[in-house]
C-alpha atoms as a PDB file:
ATOM      1  CA  MET A   1     -20.629  22.575 -10.263  1.00  0.00           C
ATOM      2  CA  PHE A   2     -22.589  18.693 -10.665  1.00  0.00           C
ATOM      3  CA  TYR A   3     -19.561  17.313  -8.301  1.00  0.00           C
ATOM      4  CA  TRP A   4     -20.288  20.289  -5.826  1.00  0.00           C
ATOM      5  CA  LEU A   5     -24.193  19.127  -6.118  1.00  0.00           C
ATOM      6  CA  MET A   6     -23.817  15.999  -5.446  1.00  0.00           C
ATOM      7  CA  LYS A   7     -20.762  15.961  -2.754  1.00  0.00           C
ATOM      8  CA  TYR A   8     -22.776  18.957  -0.727  1.00  0.00           C
ATOM      9  CA  ILE A   9     -26.242  18.987  -1.708  1.00  0.00           C
ATOM     10  CA  VAL A  10     -27.431  15.621  -2.785  1.00  0.00           C
ATOM     11  CA  ILE A  11     -25.542  12.712  -1.565  1.00  0.00           C
ATOM     12  CA  GLY A  12     -23.127  14.066   0.471  1.00  0.00           C
ATOM     13  CA  PRO A  13     -25.832  15.576   3.708  1.00  0.00           C
ATOM     14  CA  LEU A  14     -27.899  12.205   3.419  1.00  0.00           C
ATOM     15  CA  VAL A  15     -24.562   9.628   3.229  1.00  0.00           C
ATOM     16  CA  LYS A  16     -23.367  11.662   6.598  1.00  0.00           C
ATOM     17  CA  ALA A  17     -26.726  11.671   8.378  1.00  0.00           C
ATOM     18  CA  ILE A  18     -27.517   8.094   7.908  1.00  0.00           C
ATOM     19  CA  PHE A  19     -23.900   6.668   8.281  1.00  0.00           C
ATOM     20  CA  ARG A  20     -22.083   8.949  10.723  1.00  0.00           C
ATOM     21  CA  PRO A  21     -18.489   8.355   9.084  1.00  0.00           C
ATOM     22  CA  TRP A  22     -15.524   9.492  11.046  1.00  0.00           C
ATOM     23  CA  ILE A  23     -12.192  10.012  10.102  1.00  0.00           C
ATOM     24  CA  ILE A  24      -8.702  10.115  11.600  1.00  0.00           C
ATOM     25  CA  GLY A  25      -5.782  12.285   9.970  1.00  0.00           C
ATOM     26  CA  ARG A  26      -7.569  14.671   7.743  1.00  0.00           C
ATOM     27  CA  LYS A  27      -4.052  16.886   8.421  1.00  0.00           C
ATOM     28  CA  ASN A  28      -2.646  14.500   6.313  1.00  0.00           C
ATOM     29  CA  VAL A  29      -3.736  15.401   3.065  1.00  0.00           C
ATOM     30  CA  PRO A  30      -1.690  18.434   1.444  1.00  0.00           C
ATOM     31  CA  ALA A  31      -4.006  21.404   1.022  1.00  0.00           C
ATOM     32  CA  HIS A  32      -2.841  22.092  -1.913  1.00  0.00           C
ATOM     33  CA  GLY A  33      -0.685  20.367  -4.882  1.00  0.00           C
ATOM     34  CA  ALA A  34      -1.350  16.959  -6.650  1.00  0.00           C
ATOM     35  CA  ALA A  35      -1.097  13.775  -4.272  1.00  0.00           C
ATOM     36  CA  ILE A  36      -2.083  10.080  -4.703  1.00  0.00           C
ATOM     37  CA  LEU A  37      -4.324   8.507  -2.166  1.00  0.00           C
ATOM     38  CA  ALA A  38      -3.579   5.041  -1.787  1.00  0.00           C
ATOM     39  CA  SER A  39      -6.780   3.078  -0.056  1.00  0.00           C
ATOM     40  CA  ASN A  40      -7.058  -0.728   0.695  1.00  0.00           C
ATOM     41  CA  HIS A  41     -10.384  -1.759  -0.815  1.00  0.00           C
ATOM     42  CA  LEU A  42     -12.913  -3.279   0.922  1.00  0.00           C
ATOM     43  CA  SER A  43     -16.123  -2.682  -0.307  1.00  0.00           C
ATOM     44  CA  PHE A  44     -18.061  -0.675  -3.536  1.00  0.00           C
ATOM     45  CA  ALA A  45     -18.977   2.001  -0.939  1.00  0.00           C
ATOM     46  CA  ASP A  46     -14.832   2.695  -0.381  1.00  0.00           C
ATOM     47  CA  SER A  47     -15.021   5.275  -3.751  1.00  0.00           C
ATOM     48  CA  ILE A  48     -18.276   6.890  -2.008  1.00  0.00           C
ATOM     49  CA  PHE A  49     -17.073   7.776   1.866  1.00  0.00           C
ATOM     50  CA  LEU A  50     -13.534   8.870   0.898  1.00  0.00           C
ATOM     51  CA  PRO A  51     -14.380  11.657  -1.286  1.00  0.00           C
ATOM     52  CA  LEU A  52     -17.134  12.368   0.959  1.00  0.00           C
ATOM     53  CA  MET A  53     -15.156  13.320   3.855  1.00  0.00           C
ATOM     54  CA  LEU A  54     -12.019  15.384   2.436  1.00  0.00           C
ATOM     55  CA  GLU A  55     -12.436  19.323   1.610  1.00  0.00           C
ATOM     56  CA  ARG A  56     -10.869  19.107  -1.499  1.00  0.00           C
ATOM     57  CA  PRO A  57     -12.272  17.436  -4.508  1.00  0.00           C
ATOM     58  CA  MET A  58     -10.466  14.234  -5.307  1.00  0.00           C
ATOM     59  CA  THR A  59     -10.854  11.685  -8.694  1.00  0.00           C
ATOM     60  CA  PHE A  60     -11.091   8.188  -8.251  1.00  0.00           C
ATOM     61  CA  LEU A  61      -9.957   5.915 -11.006  1.00  0.00           C
ATOM     62  CA  ALA A  62     -13.108   3.532 -11.518  1.00  0.00           C
ATOM     63  CA  LYS A  63     -13.628   0.228 -13.724  1.00  0.00           C
ATOM     64  CA  SER A  64     -15.152   0.775 -16.700  1.00  0.00           C
ATOM     65  CA  ASP A  65     -17.930  -1.723 -16.255  1.00  0.00           C
ATOM     66  CA  TYR A  66     -19.685   1.129 -13.256  1.00  0.00           C
ATOM     67  CA  PHE A  67     -19.727   3.466 -16.649  1.00  0.00           C
ATOM     68  CA  THR A  68     -21.245   0.718 -19.687  1.00  0.00           C
ATOM     69  CA  GLY A  69     -24.512  -0.498 -18.122  1.00  0.00           C
ATOM     70  CA  LYS A  70     -27.827  -0.744 -19.966  1.00  0.00           C
ATOM     71  CA  GLY A  71     -31.104   0.625 -18.585  1.00  0.00           C
ATOM     72  CA  LEU A  72     -32.624   3.120 -15.695  1.00  0.00           C
ATOM     73  CA  LYS A  73     -29.980   1.340 -13.224  1.00  0.00           C
ATOM     74  CA  GLY A  74     -26.998   1.715 -15.638  1.00  0.00           C
ATOM     75  CA  TRP A  75     -27.753   5.460 -16.163  1.00  0.00           C
ATOM     76  CA  ALA A  76     -28.128   6.358 -12.212  1.00  0.00           C
ATOM     77  CA  THR A  77     -24.783   4.225 -11.696  1.00  0.00           C
ATOM     78  CA  ARG A  78     -23.089   6.215 -14.594  1.00  0.00           C
ATOM     79  CA  LEU A  79     -24.564   9.692 -13.280  1.00  0.00           C
ATOM     80  CA  PHE A  80     -23.553   8.952  -9.968  1.00  0.00           C
ATOM     81  CA  PHE A  81     -19.975   7.701 -10.560  1.00  0.00           C
ATOM     82  CA  LYS A  82     -19.526  10.942 -13.028  1.00  0.00           C
ATOM     83  CA  GLY A  83     -21.477  12.955 -10.187  1.00  0.00           C
ATOM     84  CA  THR A  84     -18.621  12.021  -7.368  1.00  0.00           C
ATOM     85  CA  GLY A  85     -15.746  13.044  -9.682  1.00  0.00           C
ATOM     86  CA  GLN A  86     -14.954   9.220 -11.056  1.00  0.00           C
ATOM     87  CA  LEU A  87     -13.296   8.015 -14.232  1.00  0.00           C
ATOM     88  CA  PRO A  88     -13.616   5.047 -15.946  1.00  0.00           C
ATOM     89  CA  ILE A  89     -10.719   2.818 -16.429  1.00  0.00           C
ATOM     90  CA  ASP A  90     -10.066  -0.360 -18.534  1.00  0.00           C
ATOM     91  CA  ARG A  91      -8.375  -3.353 -16.446  1.00  0.00           C
ATOM     92  CA  SER A  92      -7.871  -5.662 -18.887  1.00  0.00           C
ATOM     93  CA  GLY A  93      -3.896  -5.349 -19.275  1.00  0.00           C
ATOM     94  CA  GLY A  94      -1.705  -4.365 -22.109  1.00  0.00           C
ATOM     95  CA  LYS A  95      -2.689  -0.906 -23.929  1.00  0.00           C
ATOM     96  CA  ALA A  96      -5.701  -0.873 -21.712  1.00  0.00           C
ATOM     97  CA  SER A  97      -3.453  -0.362 -18.659  1.00  0.00           C
ATOM     98  CA  GLU A  98      -1.190   2.242 -20.247  1.00  0.00           C
ATOM     99  CA  ALA A  99      -3.934   4.708 -20.858  1.00  0.00           C
ATOM    100  CA  SER A 100      -5.473   4.337 -17.122  1.00  0.00           C
ATOM    101  CA  LEU A 101      -1.947   5.396 -16.285  1.00  0.00           C
ATOM    102  CA  ASN A 102      -2.015   8.013 -18.663  1.00  0.00           C
ATOM    103  CA  THR A 103      -5.707   9.077 -17.547  1.00  0.00           C
ATOM    104  CA  GLY A 104      -4.271   9.418 -13.757  1.00  0.00           C
ATOM    105  CA  LEU A 105      -1.045  11.781 -14.958  1.00  0.00           C
ATOM    106  CA  GLN A 106      -3.223  13.820 -16.471  1.00  0.00           C
ATOM    107  CA  VAL A 107      -5.339  14.219 -13.090  1.00  0.00           C
ATOM    108  CA  LEU A 108      -2.115  14.808 -11.029  1.00  0.00           C
ATOM    109  CA  GLY A 109      -0.779  16.944 -14.047  1.00  0.00           C
ATOM    110  CA  LYS A 110      -3.755  19.531 -13.149  1.00  0.00           C
ATOM    111  CA  GLY A 111      -2.457  19.580  -9.566  1.00  0.00           C
ATOM    112  CA  ASP A 112      -5.487  17.461  -8.232  1.00  0.00           C
ATOM    113  CA  LEU A 113      -5.781  14.614  -5.596  1.00  0.00           C
ATOM    114  CA  LEU A 114      -5.900  11.051  -6.955  1.00  0.00           C
ATOM    115  CA  GLY A 115      -7.667   8.173  -5.601  1.00  0.00           C
ATOM    116  CA  ILE A 116      -5.879   4.470  -6.410  1.00  0.00           C
ATOM    117  CA  TYR A 117      -6.488   1.379  -4.983  1.00  0.00           C
ATOM    118  CA  PRO A 118      -3.376  -0.344  -4.862  1.00  0.00           C
ATOM    119  CA  GLU A 119      -4.540  -3.874  -4.813  1.00  0.00           C
ATOM    120  CA  GLY A 120      -5.923  -3.553  -7.994  1.00  0.00           C
ATOM    121  CA  THR A 121      -9.796  -4.808  -7.179  1.00  0.00           C
ATOM    122  CA  ARG A 122     -11.559  -5.315  -3.922  1.00  0.00           C
ATOM    123  CA  SER A 123     -10.217  -7.934  -1.354  1.00  0.00           C
ATOM    124  CA  PRO A 124     -12.386 -10.872  -1.578  1.00  0.00           C
ATOM    125  CA  ASP A 125     -11.846 -11.764   2.451  1.00  0.00           C
ATOM    126  CA  GLY A 126     -11.052  -8.717   4.113  1.00  0.00           C
ATOM    127  CA  LYS A 127      -7.266  -9.357   3.870  1.00  0.00           C
ATOM    128  CA  LEU A 128      -4.602  -7.076   2.683  1.00  0.00           C
ATOM    129  CA  TYR A 129      -3.042  -8.173  -0.875  1.00  0.00           C
ATOM    130  CA  ARG A 130      -0.185  -7.488  -2.879  1.00  0.00           C
ATOM    131  CA  ALA A 131       0.088  -3.969  -4.844  1.00  0.00           C
ATOM    132  CA  ARG A 132       0.088  -3.823  -8.255  1.00  0.00           C
ATOM    133  CA  THR A 133       3.345  -1.550  -9.320  1.00  0.00           C
ATOM    134  CA  GLY A 134       0.994   0.916 -11.752  1.00  0.00           C
ATOM    135  CA  ILE A 135       0.771   3.307  -8.676  1.00  0.00           C
ATOM    136  CA  ALA A 136       4.570   3.295  -7.938  1.00  0.00           C
ATOM    137  CA  ARG A 137       5.055   4.665 -11.897  1.00  0.00           C
ATOM    138  CA  MET A 138       2.529   6.976 -11.322  1.00  0.00           C
ATOM    139  CA  ALA A 139       3.959   7.975  -8.326  1.00  0.00           C
ATOM    140  CA  LEU A 140       7.358   8.319  -9.679  1.00  0.00           C
ATOM    141  CA  GLU A 141       6.476   9.821 -13.450  1.00  0.00           C
ATOM    142  CA  ALA A 142       4.373  12.701 -11.441  1.00  0.00           C
ATOM    143  CA  ARG A 143       6.801  13.264  -8.747  1.00  0.00           C
ATOM    144  CA  VAL A 144       3.719  13.047  -6.101  1.00  0.00           C
ATOM    145  CA  PRO A 145       3.759  11.938  -2.496  1.00  0.00           C
ATOM    146  CA  VAL A 146       1.526   9.109  -1.689  1.00  0.00           C
ATOM    147  CA  VAL A 147      -0.675   9.057   1.037  1.00  0.00           C
ATOM    148  CA  PRO A 148      -1.795   6.277   2.243  1.00  0.00           C
ATOM    149  CA  VAL A 149      -5.797   5.453   3.423  1.00  0.00           C
ATOM    150  CA  VAL A 150      -7.233   2.672   5.505  1.00  0.00           C
ATOM    151  CA  MET A 151     -10.905   2.000   5.057  1.00  0.00           C
ATOM    152  CA  VAL A 152     -12.557   0.368   8.366  1.00  0.00           C
ATOM    153  CA  ASP A 153     -15.959  -1.298   8.444  1.00  0.00           C
ATOM    154  CA  THR A 154     -16.966  -0.742   4.976  1.00  0.00           C
ATOM    155  CA  ASP A 155     -16.804  -4.667   4.152  1.00  0.00           C
ATOM    156  CA  THR A 156     -19.032  -5.208   6.629  1.00  0.00           C
ATOM    157  CA  MET A 157     -21.549  -2.692   6.218  1.00  0.00           C
ATOM    158  CA  MET A 158     -21.660  -3.286   2.256  1.00  0.00           C
ATOM    159  CA  PRO A 159     -19.875  -6.547   1.408  1.00  0.00           C
ATOM    160  CA  ILE A 160     -19.581  -8.456  -2.197  1.00  0.00           C
ATOM    161  CA  GLY A 161     -22.703  -9.413  -3.399  1.00  0.00           C
ATOM    162  CA  ARG A 162     -24.896  -7.436  -1.293  1.00  0.00           C
ATOM    163  CA  ARG A 163     -27.521  -5.060  -2.715  1.00  0.00           C
ATOM    164  CA  MET A 164     -28.126  -2.810   0.214  1.00  0.00           C
ATOM    165  CA  PRO A 165     -25.921  -1.829   3.174  1.00  0.00           C
ATOM    166  CA  ARG A 166     -26.181  -2.109   6.743  1.00  0.00           C
ATOM    167  CA  ILE A 167     -26.858   1.013   8.801  1.00  0.00           C
ATOM    168  CA  MET A 168     -23.672   1.551  11.056  1.00  0.00           C
ATOM    169  CA  ARG A 169     -20.681   3.719  11.001  1.00  0.00           C
ATOM    170  CA  VAL A 170     -17.803   3.481   9.183  1.00  0.00           C
ATOM    171  CA  GLY A 171     -14.493   5.288   9.278  1.00  0.00           C
ATOM    172  CA  MET A 172     -11.118   6.127   7.824  1.00  0.00           C
ATOM    173  CA  ILE A 173      -7.529   6.291   8.558  1.00  0.00           C
ATOM    174  CA  ILE A 174      -5.026   8.797   7.183  1.00  0.00           C
ATOM    175  CA  GLY A 175      -1.494   8.283   7.223  1.00  0.00           C
ATOM    176  CA  GLU A 176       1.117  10.878   6.695  1.00  0.00           C
ATOM    177  CA  PRO A 177       2.791  11.244   2.727  1.00  0.00           C
ATOM    178  CA  LEU A 178       5.145   8.840   1.738  1.00  0.00           C
ATOM    179  CA  ASP A 179       7.755  10.712  -0.329  1.00  0.00           C
ATOM    180  CA  PHE A 180       9.633   8.739  -3.239  1.00  0.00           C
ATOM    181  CA  SER A 181      11.366  11.697  -4.317  1.00  0.00           C
ATOM    182  CA  ARG A 182      14.730   9.841  -3.676  1.00  0.00           C
ATOM    183  CA  PHE A 183      13.799   7.381  -6.698  1.00  0.00           C
ATOM    184  CA  ALA A 184      13.161  10.239  -9.091  1.00  0.00           C
ATOM    185  CA  GLY A 185      14.021   9.530 -12.807  1.00  0.00           C
ATOM    186  CA  MET A 186      13.959   5.890 -12.068  1.00  0.00           C
ATOM    187  CA  GLU A 187      10.429   5.075 -12.934  1.00  0.00           C
ATOM    188  CA  GLY A 188      11.691   2.646 -16.032  1.00  0.00           C
ATOM    189  CA  ASP A 189      13.315  -0.241 -13.191  1.00  0.00           C
ATOM    190  CA  ARG A 190      10.609  -2.290 -12.541  1.00  0.00           C
ATOM    191  CA  TYR A 191      12.612  -3.454  -9.229  1.00  0.00           C
ATOM    192  CA  ILE A 192      12.376  -0.111  -8.190  1.00  0.00           C
ATOM    193  CA  LEU A 193       8.660  -0.122  -9.085  1.00  0.00           C
ATOM    194  CA  ARG A 194       8.065  -3.265  -7.168  1.00  0.00           C
ATOM    195  CA  SER A 195       9.807  -1.703  -3.728  1.00  0.00           C
ATOM    196  CA  VAL A 196       8.199   1.323  -3.879  1.00  0.00           C
ATOM    197  CA  ALA A 197       4.709  -0.514  -4.370  1.00  0.00           C
ATOM    198  CA  ASP A 198       5.539  -2.719  -1.499  1.00  0.00           C
ATOM    199  CA  GLU A 199       6.844   0.234   1.077  1.00  0.00           C
ATOM    200  CA  ILE A 200       2.783   1.433   0.164  1.00  0.00           C
ATOM    201  CA  THR A 201       1.807  -1.881   0.950  1.00  0.00           C
ATOM    202  CA  VAL A 202       3.524  -1.899   4.134  1.00  0.00           C
ATOM    203  CA  ALA A 203       2.030   1.605   5.232  1.00  0.00           C
ATOM    204  CA  LEU A 204      -1.077   0.580   4.690  1.00  0.00           C
ATOM    205  CA  GLN A 205      -0.342  -2.754   6.496  1.00  0.00           C
ATOM    206  CA  ARG A 206       0.876  -0.732   9.520  1.00  0.00           C
ATOM    207  CA  LEU A 207      -1.964   1.609   9.650  1.00  0.00           C
ATOM    208  CA  GLY A 208      -4.803  -0.743   9.372  1.00  0.00           C
ATOM    209  CA  GLN A 209      -3.465  -3.685  11.031  1.00  0.00           C
ATOM    210  CA  GLN A 210      -5.166  -5.946   8.424  1.00  0.00           C
ATOM    211  CA  GLU A 211      -3.683  -9.512   7.754  1.00  0.00           C
ATOM    212  CA  TYR A 212      -1.798  -9.648   4.672  1.00  0.00           C
ATOM    213  CA  GLU A 213      -0.992 -12.043   1.933  1.00  0.00           C
ATOM    214  CA  ASP A 214       1.817 -11.789  -0.518  1.00  0.00           C
ATOM    215  CA  VAL A 215      -0.221 -12.641  -3.409  1.00  0.00           C
ATOM    216  CA  TYR A 216      -2.290 -10.368  -5.780  1.00  0.00           C
ATOM    217  CA  ALA A 217      -6.113 -10.301  -4.796  1.00  0.00           C
ATOM    218  CA  SER A 218      -7.142 -11.193  -8.614  1.00  0.00           C
ATOM    219  CA  ALA A 219      -5.403 -14.663  -8.341  1.00  0.00           C
ATOM    220  CA  VAL A 220      -7.525 -15.353  -5.176  1.00  0.00           C
ATOM    221  CA  LYS A 221     -10.801 -14.485  -7.043  1.00  0.00           C
ATOM    222  CA  ASP A 222      -9.841 -16.346  -9.610  1.00  0.00           C
ATOM    223  CA  ARG A 223      -9.297 -19.413  -7.486  1.00  0.00           C
ATOM    224  CA  LEU A 224     -12.152 -18.782  -5.495  1.00  0.00           C
ATOM    225  CA  ALA A 225     -14.398 -18.739  -8.873  1.00  0.00           C
ATOM    226  CA  LYS A 226     -13.147 -21.968 -10.037  1.00  0.00           C
ATOM    227  CA  ARG A 227     -13.934 -24.087  -6.433  1.00  0.00           C
ATOM    228  CA  PRO A 228     -16.634 -26.234  -7.149  1.00  0.00           C
ATOM    229  CA  ALA A 229     -19.930 -24.880  -5.670  1.00  0.00           C
END
């Protein structure tokens, strides 16, 4: 009920009226059953616009920092993310990554749509980076299709570090579902997982024509952070 109120009464109509988001390929999202929506990640706003433009409710796995803020701002952020159907995950690796995987599998096990950013973090410069294999393992274990999604101009509207968005149109392009049933039962093979993750990345790159760099976005962020000011 809270998700419905936020999407159709509180947040959705206002955001749509201001930014007039457009969407291509909405019919590629399955009308029923579980599926993973794999999106490039350009901006904080990506997690807002995609759920608003789909008829079916969906759940994003969001970094846990958004749910642990202090004070009024922390409370408002936590309320917003919960209200838009997002679940906190710990990205620190190890057991935390396993817990995140299980959280995603629970969503898919209920027959719902799950949103994932294969790159694992926002692109620091608008390029598309190498996918993590967690999405591949999740797709194979749950035996669900992966739907590639490309967000367009959200980084221009609200780049990293900007507090208030620019008023402009943004959009999204949804590609045809990818079927990985040929790899059923092979989720324990790291070479298969790498192949599946790469196939998802290729689909995203072809859909959005982003410049691609075959490294992890997190490594690029670490490198940029170490540069002298």
